Amino acid sequence: MKVLIVDDEPLAREELHYLIQGNSEVTEILEADGIFMAEEQVKSEHPDMVFLDIKLSDGNGMALAEKIKSFDNSPHIVFATAYDSYALDAFEADAVDYILKPFSAKRVNEAIMRVAKLISPEDDATKAKRELRQNPRISIQNDERTIILQKKQILYVQAQQGFVYIWTLNKHKIISRQTLTNIYDQLKSPEFLQIHRSFIVNLNGVTELQPSFNHTYELTLIDGSKLPVSRSYVNTTKKALGL
């Protein structure tokens, strides 16, 4: 089990690290000193469990827990804090446990074992799909060739007349007969979003969102491209862009 400790106090992280490393269920321990670093660790390292303080120097742990819940394969949250007045809020946020400072080995191990019981072994198909999504590369079938492309180089993907067109940041176009669904399954991550039945966009390449006709919207990308956002995708697109 991979565990992430989120606390802005170095001594608290050190104490919890020491107690966690004695549990045989734990294979790796990560640390973060605040909200921003914790979110990046969850996205990149995919921990199974997070020991999360509530009051952090750069934000609120409760808000972070709510945000983490929306991630694919979100980790189980255990609040580890000096404040006992947030227990009800913690469990409403689907926390597995709530432990108080100063930590005891008994309570830390109890929390770990609670999470261990919740983690079911992945079947081969689920594991393969997860690993595919975590892969920074994507394989694209192009005639008799297989093109290997860094996902971060993709600006947007368009399905049209039985083909899929992959447009890159350097304005290169790759054509494939793979389906848009197949491409999206490989790309699926917080950076990529389907905005239309025929379009997937790299959110990092979006510069502008404008209303269009009949309650639809239009995205402008860094290369000047204009992409439609259909009505059924407007809400998810706005949320993904922080609107």
C-alpha atoms as a PDB file:
ATOM      1  CA  MET A   1       0.000   0.000   0.000  1.00  0.00           C
ATOM      2  CA  LYS A   2       1.285   3.450  -0.947  1.00  0.00           C
ATOM      3  CA  VAL A   3       0.632   6.113   1.723  1.00  0.00           C
ATOM      4  CA  LEU A   4       0.793   9.915   1.471  1.00  0.00           C
ATOM      5  CA  ILE A   5       1.262  12.111   4.567  1.00  0.00           C
ATOM      6  CA  VAL A   6      -0.016  15.694   4.214  1.00  0.00           C
ATOM      7  CA  ASP A   7       0.985  18.041   7.046  1.00  0.00           C
ATOM      8  CA  ASP A   8       2.695  21.441   7.095  1.00  0.00           C
ATOM      9  CA  GLU A   9       4.553  20.627  10.323  1.00  0.00           C
ATOM     10  CA  PRO A  10       7.827  18.742   9.660  1.00  0.00           C
ATOM     11  CA  LEU A  11       7.854  17.134  13.124  1.00  0.00           C
ATOM     12  CA  ALA A  12       4.306  15.840  12.681  1.00  0.00           C
ATOM     13  CA  ARG A  13       5.224  14.338   9.299  1.00  0.00           C
ATOM     14  CA  GLU A  14       8.333  12.755  10.822  1.00  0.00           C
ATOM     15  CA  GLU A  15       6.362  11.233  13.708  1.00  0.00           C
ATOM     16  CA  LEU A  16       3.666   9.830  11.440  1.00  0.00           C
ATOM     17  CA  HIS A  17       6.265   8.539   8.971  1.00  0.00           C
ATOM     18  CA  TYR A  18       7.988   6.652  11.775  1.00  0.00           C
ATOM     19  CA  LEU A  19       4.745   5.045  12.953  1.00  0.00           C
ATOM     20  CA  ILE A  20       3.545   4.140   9.453  1.00  0.00           C
ATOM     21  CA  GLN A  21       6.787   2.498   8.339  1.00  0.00           C
ATOM     22  CA  GLY A  22       6.359  -0.185  10.982  1.00  0.00           C
ATOM     23  CA  ASN A  23       3.201  -1.523   9.334  1.00  0.00           C
ATOM     24  CA  SER A  24       3.772  -4.447   6.957  1.00  0.00           C
ATOM     25  CA  GLU A  25       0.866  -3.344   4.712  1.00  0.00           C
ATOM     26  CA  VAL A  26       2.763  -0.202   3.724  1.00  0.00           C
ATOM     27  CA  THR A  27       5.193  -0.450   0.818  1.00  0.00           C
ATOM     28  CA  GLU A  28       5.916   3.242   0.163  1.00  0.00           C
ATOM     29  CA  ILE A  29       5.504   6.508   2.097  1.00  0.00           C
ATOM     30  CA  LEU A  30       5.190   9.902   0.393  1.00  0.00           C
ATOM     31  CA  GLU A  31       5.050  13.336   2.035  1.00  0.00           C
ATOM     32  CA  ALA A  32       3.558  16.725   1.164  1.00  0.00           C
ATOM     33  CA  ASP A  33       3.719  19.971   3.146  1.00  0.00           C
ATOM     34  CA  GLY A  34       0.570  21.582   1.755  1.00  0.00           C
ATOM     35  CA  ILE A  35      -2.464  21.511  -0.538  1.00  0.00           C
ATOM     36  CA  PHE A  36      -0.685  22.163  -3.845  1.00  0.00           C
ATOM     37  CA  MET A  37       2.020  19.574  -3.309  1.00  0.00           C
ATOM     38  CA  ALA A  38      -0.508  17.025  -2.024  1.00  0.00           C
ATOM     39  CA  GLU A  39      -2.733  17.413  -5.088  1.00  0.00           C
ATOM     40  CA  GLU A  40       0.257  16.948  -7.403  1.00  0.00           C
ATOM     41  CA  GLN A  41       1.339  13.840  -5.468  1.00  0.00           C
ATOM     42  CA  VAL A  42      -2.137  12.306  -5.681  1.00  0.00           C
ATOM     43  CA  LYS A  43      -2.295  12.931  -9.439  1.00  0.00           C
ATOM     44  CA  SER A  44       1.195  11.653 -10.217  1.00  0.00           C
ATOM     45  CA  GLU A  45       1.864   8.982  -7.584  1.00  0.00           C
ATOM     46  CA  HIS A  46      -1.652   7.557  -7.068  1.00  0.00           C
ATOM     47  CA  PRO A  47      -1.391   6.712  -3.349  1.00  0.00           C
ATOM     48  CA  ASP A  48      -3.856   4.232  -1.873  1.00  0.00           C
ATOM     49  CA  MET A  49      -4.254   6.195   1.347  1.00  0.00           C
ATOM     50  CA  VAL A  50      -3.755   9.779   2.548  1.00  0.00           C
ATOM     51  CA  PHE A  51      -3.167  10.897   6.143  1.00  0.00           C
ATOM     52  CA  LEU A  52      -4.455  14.464   5.862  1.00  0.00           C
ATOM     53  CA  ASP A  53      -4.263  17.338   8.324  1.00  0.00           C
ATOM     54  CA  ILE A  54      -7.206  19.757   8.293  1.00  0.00           C
ATOM     55  CA  LYS A  55      -5.559  23.137   8.848  1.00  0.00           C
ATOM     56  CA  LEU A  56      -2.662  23.646   6.463  1.00  0.00           C
ATOM     57  CA  SER A  57      -0.629  26.750   5.771  1.00  0.00           C
ATOM     58  CA  ASP A  58      -1.866  27.036   2.177  1.00  0.00           C
ATOM     59  CA  GLY A  59      -5.464  25.870   2.526  1.00  0.00           C
ATOM     60  CA  ASN A  60      -8.042  23.595   4.085  1.00  0.00           C
ATOM     61  CA  GLY A  61      -7.604  19.826   4.162  1.00  0.00           C
ATOM     62  CA  MET A  62     -11.359  19.263   4.157  1.00  0.00           C
ATOM     63  CA  ALA A  63     -11.672  21.086   0.816  1.00  0.00           C
ATOM     64  CA  LEU A  64      -8.780  19.065  -0.576  1.00  0.00           C
ATOM     65  CA  ALA A  65     -10.478  15.820   0.486  1.00  0.00           C
ATOM     66  CA  GLU A  66     -13.620  16.829  -1.396  1.00  0.00           C
ATOM     67  CA  LYS A  67     -11.573  17.592  -4.512  1.00  0.00           C
ATOM     68  CA  ILE A  68      -9.632  14.332  -4.331  1.00  0.00           C
ATOM     69  CA  LYS A  69     -12.904  12.382  -4.321  1.00  0.00           C
ATOM     70  CA  SER A  70     -13.488  13.456  -7.948  1.00  0.00           C
ATOM     71  CA  PHE A  71     -10.185  11.962  -9.177  1.00  0.00           C
ATOM     72  CA  ASP A  72     -10.005   8.591 -10.931  1.00  0.00           C
ATOM     73  CA  ASN A  73      -8.992   5.871  -8.449  1.00  0.00           C
ATOM     74  CA  SER A  74      -9.119   8.379  -5.591  1.00  0.00           C
ATOM     75  CA  PRO A  75      -7.243   7.363  -2.414  1.00  0.00           C
ATOM     76  CA  HIS A  76      -8.875   6.638   0.926  1.00  0.00           C
ATOM     77  CA  ILE A  77      -8.665   9.586   3.325  1.00  0.00           C
ATOM     78  CA  VAL A  78      -7.768   9.444   7.013  1.00  0.00           C
ATOM     79  CA  PHE A  79      -7.768  12.814   8.761  1.00  0.00           C
ATOM     80  CA  ALA A  80      -4.824  13.196  11.126  1.00  0.00           C
ATOM     81  CA  THR A  81      -5.171  16.420  13.069  1.00  0.00           C
ATOM     82  CA  ALA A  82      -4.990  18.176  16.427  1.00  0.00           C
ATOM     83  CA  TYR A  83      -8.617  19.327  16.178  1.00  0.00           C
ATOM     84  CA  ASP A  84     -11.424  17.097  17.419  1.00  0.00           C
ATOM     85  CA  SER A  85     -14.270  19.397  16.304  1.00  0.00           C
ATOM     86  CA  TYR A  86     -14.239  18.348  12.647  1.00  0.00           C
ATOM     87  CA  ALA A  87     -14.973  14.643  13.065  1.00  0.00           C
ATOM     88  CA  LEU A  88     -18.549  14.867  11.787  1.00  0.00           C
ATOM     89  CA  ASP A  89     -17.485  16.898   8.742  1.00  0.00           C
ATOM     90  CA  ALA A  90     -14.728  14.373   8.086  1.00  0.00           C
ATOM     91  CA  PHE A  91     -17.066  11.416   7.911  1.00  0.00           C
ATOM     92  CA  GLU A  92     -19.501  13.368   5.753  1.00  0.00           C
ATOM     93  CA  ALA A  93     -16.521  13.734   3.399  1.00  0.00           C
ATOM     94  CA  ASP A  94     -16.286   9.891   3.334  1.00  0.00           C
ATOM     95  CA  ALA A  95     -13.160   9.721   5.477  1.00  0.00           C
ATOM     96  CA  VAL A  96     -12.224   6.215   6.576  1.00  0.00           C
ATOM     97  CA  ASP A  97     -10.936   7.322   9.973  1.00  0.00           C
ATOM     98  CA  TYR A  98     -10.101  10.353  12.093  1.00  0.00           C
ATOM     99  CA  ILE A  99      -7.060  10.270  14.383  1.00  0.00           C
ATOM    100  CA  LEU A 100      -5.842  12.923  16.771  1.00  0.00           C
ATOM    101  CA  LYS A 101      -2.406  14.262  17.600  1.00  0.00           C
ATOM    102  CA  PRO A 102      -0.293  13.159  19.368  1.00  0.00           C
ATOM    103  CA  PHE A 103      -0.480   9.975  17.298  1.00  0.00           C
ATOM    104  CA  SER A 104      -0.271   6.524  18.802  1.00  0.00           C
ATOM    105  CA  ALA A 105       0.988   3.447  16.962  1.00  0.00           C
ATOM    106  CA  LYS A 106      -2.254   1.650  17.815  1.00  0.00           C
ATOM    107  CA  ARG A 107      -4.523   4.246  16.171  1.00  0.00           C
ATOM    108  CA  VAL A 108      -2.267   4.643  13.153  1.00  0.00           C
ATOM    109  CA  ASN A 109      -2.216   0.890  12.568  1.00  0.00           C
ATOM    110  CA  GLU A 110      -5.981   0.663  13.035  1.00  0.00           C
ATOM    111  CA  ALA A 111      -6.468   3.296  10.323  1.00  0.00           C
ATOM    112  CA  ILE A 112      -4.109   1.503   7.949  1.00  0.00           C
ATOM    113  CA  MET A 113      -5.860  -1.825   8.468  1.00  0.00           C
ATOM    114  CA  ARG A 114      -9.270  -0.205   7.850  1.00  0.00           C
ATOM    115  CA  VAL A 115      -8.045   0.984   4.476  1.00  0.00           C
ATOM    116  CA  ALA A 116      -6.333  -2.337   3.697  1.00  0.00           C
ATOM    117  CA  LYS A 117      -9.686  -4.100   4.069  1.00  0.00           C
ATOM    118  CA  LEU A 118     -11.296  -1.677   1.625  1.00  0.00           C
ATOM    119  CA  ILE A 119      -8.731  -2.186  -1.095  1.00  0.00           C
ATOM    120  CA  SER A 120      -9.799  -5.123  -3.212  1.00  0.00           C
ATOM    121  CA  PRO A 121      -7.315  -6.847  -5.518  1.00  0.00           C
ATOM    122  CA  GLU A 122      -7.558  -5.588  -9.094  1.00  0.00           C
ATOM    123  CA  ASP A 123      -8.436  -8.051 -11.796  1.00  0.00           C
ATOM    124  CA  ASP A 124      -6.125  -8.168 -14.821  1.00  0.00           C
ATOM    125  CA  ALA A 125      -8.407  -6.024 -16.994  1.00  0.00           C
ATOM    126  CA  THR A 126      -8.744  -3.265 -14.376  1.00  0.00           C
ATOM    127  CA  LYS A 127      -5.006  -3.249 -13.691  1.00  0.00           C
ATOM    128  CA  ALA A 128      -4.171  -3.077 -17.397  1.00  0.00           C
ATOM    129  CA  LYS A 129      -6.608  -0.182 -17.898  1.00  0.00           C
ATOM    130  CA  ARG A 130      -5.168   1.752 -14.948  1.00  0.00           C
ATOM    131  CA  GLU A 131      -1.595   1.269 -16.159  1.00  0.00           C
ATOM    132  CA  LEU A 132      -2.608   2.353 -19.649  1.00  0.00           C
ATOM    133  CA  ARG A 133      -4.042   5.611 -18.320  1.00  0.00           C
ATOM    134  CA  GLN A 134      -0.945   6.304 -16.214  1.00  0.00           C
ATOM    135  CA  ASN A 135       1.376   5.767 -19.174  1.00  0.00           C
ATOM    136  CA  PRO A 136       2.736   9.154 -20.375  1.00  0.00           C
ATOM    137  CA  ARG A 137       2.715   7.844 -23.966  1.00  0.00           C
ATOM    138  CA  ILE A 138      -0.049   6.846 -26.343  1.00  0.00           C
ATOM    139  CA  SER A 139       0.183   4.418 -29.262  1.00  0.00           C
ATOM    140  CA  ILE A 140      -1.643   5.432 -32.439  1.00  0.00           C
ATOM    141  CA  GLN A 141      -2.293   3.091 -35.343  1.00  0.00           C
ATOM    142  CA  ASN A 142      -1.549   4.852 -38.616  1.00  0.00           C
ATOM    143  CA  ASP A 143      -1.940   2.548 -41.650  1.00  0.00           C
ATOM    144  CA  GLU A 144       0.609  -0.202 -41.014  1.00  0.00           C
ATOM    145  CA  ARG A 145       2.638   1.892 -38.585  1.00  0.00           C
ATOM    146  CA  THR A 146       2.288   2.404 -34.841  1.00  0.00           C
ATOM    147  CA  ILE A 147       3.172   5.951 -33.812  1.00  0.00           C
ATOM    148  CA  ILE A 148       4.262   6.506 -30.206  1.00  0.00           C
ATOM    149  CA  LEU A 149       3.400   9.990 -28.989  1.00  0.00           C
ATOM    150  CA  GLN A 150       3.793  11.813 -25.687  1.00  0.00           C
ATOM    151  CA  LYS A 151       0.283  12.583 -24.407  1.00  0.00           C
ATOM    152  CA  LYS A 152       1.306  16.091 -23.338  1.00  0.00           C
ATOM    153  CA  GLN A 153       2.134  16.869 -26.982  1.00  0.00           C
ATOM    154  CA  ILE A 154      -1.485  16.356 -28.064  1.00  0.00           C
ATOM    155  CA  LEU A 155      -3.568  19.530 -28.386  1.00  0.00           C
ATOM    156  CA  TYR A 156      -6.873  18.021 -29.471  1.00  0.00           C
ATOM    157  CA  VAL A 157      -8.442  15.009 -31.145  1.00  0.00           C
ATOM    158  CA  GLN A 158     -11.229  15.088 -33.741  1.00  0.00           C
ATOM    159  CA  ALA A 159     -13.396  12.272 -35.104  1.00  0.00           C
ATOM    160  CA  GLN A 160     -14.643  12.812 -38.653  1.00  0.00           C
ATOM    161  CA  GLN A 161     -16.019  10.503 -41.367  1.00  0.00           C
ATOM    162  CA  GLY A 162     -14.629   7.287 -39.898  1.00  0.00           C
ATOM    163  CA  PHE A 163     -11.194   8.691 -39.088  1.00  0.00           C
ATOM    164  CA  VAL A 164      -9.620  10.207 -35.986  1.00  0.00           C
ATOM    165  CA  TYR A 165      -7.334  13.219 -36.394  1.00  0.00           C
ATOM    166  CA  ILE A 166      -4.781  13.889 -33.639  1.00  0.00           C
ATOM    167  CA  TRP A 167      -3.458  17.440 -33.676  1.00  0.00           C
ATOM    168  CA  THR A 168      -0.217  18.109 -31.787  1.00  0.00           C
ATOM    169  CA  LEU A 169       1.212  21.264 -30.229  1.00  0.00           C
ATOM    170  CA  ASN A 170       3.632  21.648 -33.133  1.00  0.00           C
ATOM    171  CA  LYS A 171       0.656  21.581 -35.576  1.00  0.00           C
ATOM    172  CA  HIS A 172       1.420  18.072 -36.801  1.00  0.00           C
ATOM    173  CA  LYS A 173      -1.627  16.002 -37.780  1.00  0.00           C
ATOM    174  CA  ILE A 174      -1.805  12.224 -37.307  1.00  0.00           C
ATOM    175  CA  ILE A 175      -4.623  10.237 -38.922  1.00  0.00           C
ATOM    176  CA  SER A 176      -5.896   6.941 -37.532  1.00  0.00           C
ATOM    177  CA  ARG A 177      -8.855   4.584 -37.917  1.00  0.00           C
ATOM    178  CA  GLN A 178      -8.986   4.034 -34.162  1.00  0.00           C
ATOM    179  CA  THR A 179     -12.211   5.189 -32.556  1.00  0.00           C
ATOM    180  CA  LEU A 180     -12.459   8.354 -30.505  1.00  0.00           C
ATOM    181  CA  THR A 181     -13.483   6.201 -27.531  1.00  0.00           C
ATOM    182  CA  ASN A 182     -10.319   4.125 -27.840  1.00  0.00           C
ATOM    183  CA  ILE A 183      -8.140   7.238 -27.947  1.00  0.00           C
ATOM    184  CA  TYR A 184      -9.984   8.761 -24.969  1.00  0.00           C
ATOM    185  CA  ASP A 185      -9.507   5.585 -22.921  1.00  0.00           C
ATOM    186  CA  GLN A 186      -5.750   5.919 -23.425  1.00  0.00           C
ATOM    187  CA  LEU A 187      -5.696   9.670 -22.758  1.00  0.00           C
ATOM    188  CA  LYS A 188      -8.070   9.721 -19.784  1.00  0.00           C
ATOM    189  CA  SER A 189      -6.582  11.998 -17.147  1.00  0.00           C
ATOM    190  CA  PRO A 190      -7.456  15.390 -15.593  1.00  0.00           C
ATOM    191  CA  GLU A 191      -5.706  17.129 -18.534  1.00  0.00           C
ATOM    192  CA  PHE A 192      -7.947  15.704 -21.267  1.00  0.00           C
ATOM    193  CA  LEU A 193     -11.675  16.204 -21.610  1.00  0.00           C
ATOM    194  CA  GLN A 194     -14.299  15.236 -24.148  1.00  0.00           C
ATOM    195  CA  ILE A 195     -16.212  18.408 -25.059  1.00  0.00           C
ATOM    196  CA  HIS A 196     -18.279  17.115 -27.967  1.00  0.00           C
ATOM    197  CA  ARG A 197     -19.172  13.750 -29.472  1.00  0.00           C
ATOM    198  CA  SER A 198     -16.388  14.425 -32.001  1.00  0.00           C
ATOM    199  CA  PHE A 199     -13.769  16.302 -29.956  1.00  0.00           C
ATOM    200  CA  ILE A 200     -11.344  15.717 -27.079  1.00  0.00           C
ATOM    201  CA  VAL A 201      -9.205  18.635 -25.905  1.00  0.00           C
ATOM    202  CA  ASN A 202      -6.066  19.087 -23.838  1.00  0.00           C
ATOM    203  CA  LEU A 203      -7.267  21.576 -21.209  1.00  0.00           C
ATOM    204  CA  ASN A 204      -3.745  22.972 -20.857  1.00  0.00           C
ATOM    205  CA  GLY A 205      -4.078  24.274 -24.419  1.00  0.00           C
ATOM    206  CA  VAL A 206      -7.281  26.249 -23.836  1.00  0.00           C
ATOM    207  CA  THR A 207      -6.999  30.044 -23.815  1.00  0.00           C
ATOM    208  CA  GLU A 208     -10.623  31.180 -24.049  1.00  0.00           C
ATOM    209  CA  LEU A 209     -14.224  30.009 -23.614  1.00  0.00           C
ATOM    210  CA  GLN A 210     -16.965  31.930 -25.434  1.00  0.00           C
ATOM    211  CA  PRO A 211     -20.747  31.409 -25.637  1.00  0.00           C
ATOM    212  CA  SER A 212     -22.031  30.310 -29.015  1.00  0.00           C
ATOM    213  CA  PHE A 213     -25.514  29.737 -30.428  1.00  0.00           C
ATOM    214  CA  ASN A 214     -28.284  27.648 -28.848  1.00  0.00           C
ATOM    215  CA  HIS A 215     -26.635  27.380 -25.392  1.00  0.00           C
ATOM    216  CA  THR A 216     -23.409  25.909 -26.764  1.00  0.00           C
ATOM    217  CA  TYR A 217     -19.883  27.260 -26.295  1.00  0.00           C
ATOM    218  CA  GLU A 218     -16.654  27.525 -28.246  1.00  0.00           C
ATOM    219  CA  LEU A 219     -13.105  26.997 -27.030  1.00  0.00           C
ATOM    220  CA  THR A 220     -10.121  28.862 -28.423  1.00  0.00           C
ATOM    221  CA  LEU A 221      -6.787  27.018 -28.214  1.00  0.00           C
ATOM    222  CA  ILE A 222      -3.231  28.303 -28.087  1.00  0.00           C
ATOM    223  CA  ASP A 223      -2.768  27.661 -31.827  1.00  0.00           C
ATOM    224  CA  GLY A 224      -5.908  29.642 -32.676  1.00  0.00           C
ATOM    225  CA  SER A 225      -8.110  26.598 -33.288  1.00  0.00           C
ATOM    226  CA  LYS A 226     -11.806  26.932 -32.428  1.00  0.00           C
ATOM    227  CA  LEU A 227     -13.542  23.852 -30.998  1.00  0.00           C
ATOM    228  CA  PRO A 228     -17.275  23.443 -30.277  1.00  0.00           C
ATOM    229  CA  VAL A 229     -18.567  22.516 -26.818  1.00  0.00           C
ATOM    230  CA  SER A 230     -21.942  20.820 -27.182  1.00  0.00           C
ATOM    231  CA  ARG A 231     -24.720  21.471 -24.675  1.00  0.00           C
ATOM    232  CA  SER A 232     -24.378  18.098 -22.948  1.00  0.00           C
ATOM    233  CA  TYR A 233     -20.688  18.821 -22.191  1.00  0.00           C
ATOM    234  CA  VAL A 234     -20.973  22.501 -21.152  1.00  0.00           C
ATOM    235  CA  ASN A 235     -21.231  21.922 -17.385  1.00  0.00           C
ATOM    236  CA  THR A 236     -18.314  19.458 -17.195  1.00  0.00           C
ATOM    237  CA  THR A 237     -16.198  21.719 -19.389  1.00  0.00           C
ATOM    238  CA  LYS A 238     -16.846  24.777 -17.217  1.00  0.00           C
ATOM    239  CA  LYS A 239     -16.065  22.775 -14.076  1.00  0.00           C
ATOM    240  CA  ALA A 240     -12.840  21.426 -15.561  1.00  0.00           C
ATOM    241  CA  LEU A 241     -11.779  24.983 -16.432  1.00  0.00           C
ATOM    242  CA  GLY A 242     -12.525  26.190 -12.922  1.00  0.00           C
ATOM    243  CA  LEU A 243     -15.618  28.200 -13.836  1.00  0.00           C
END
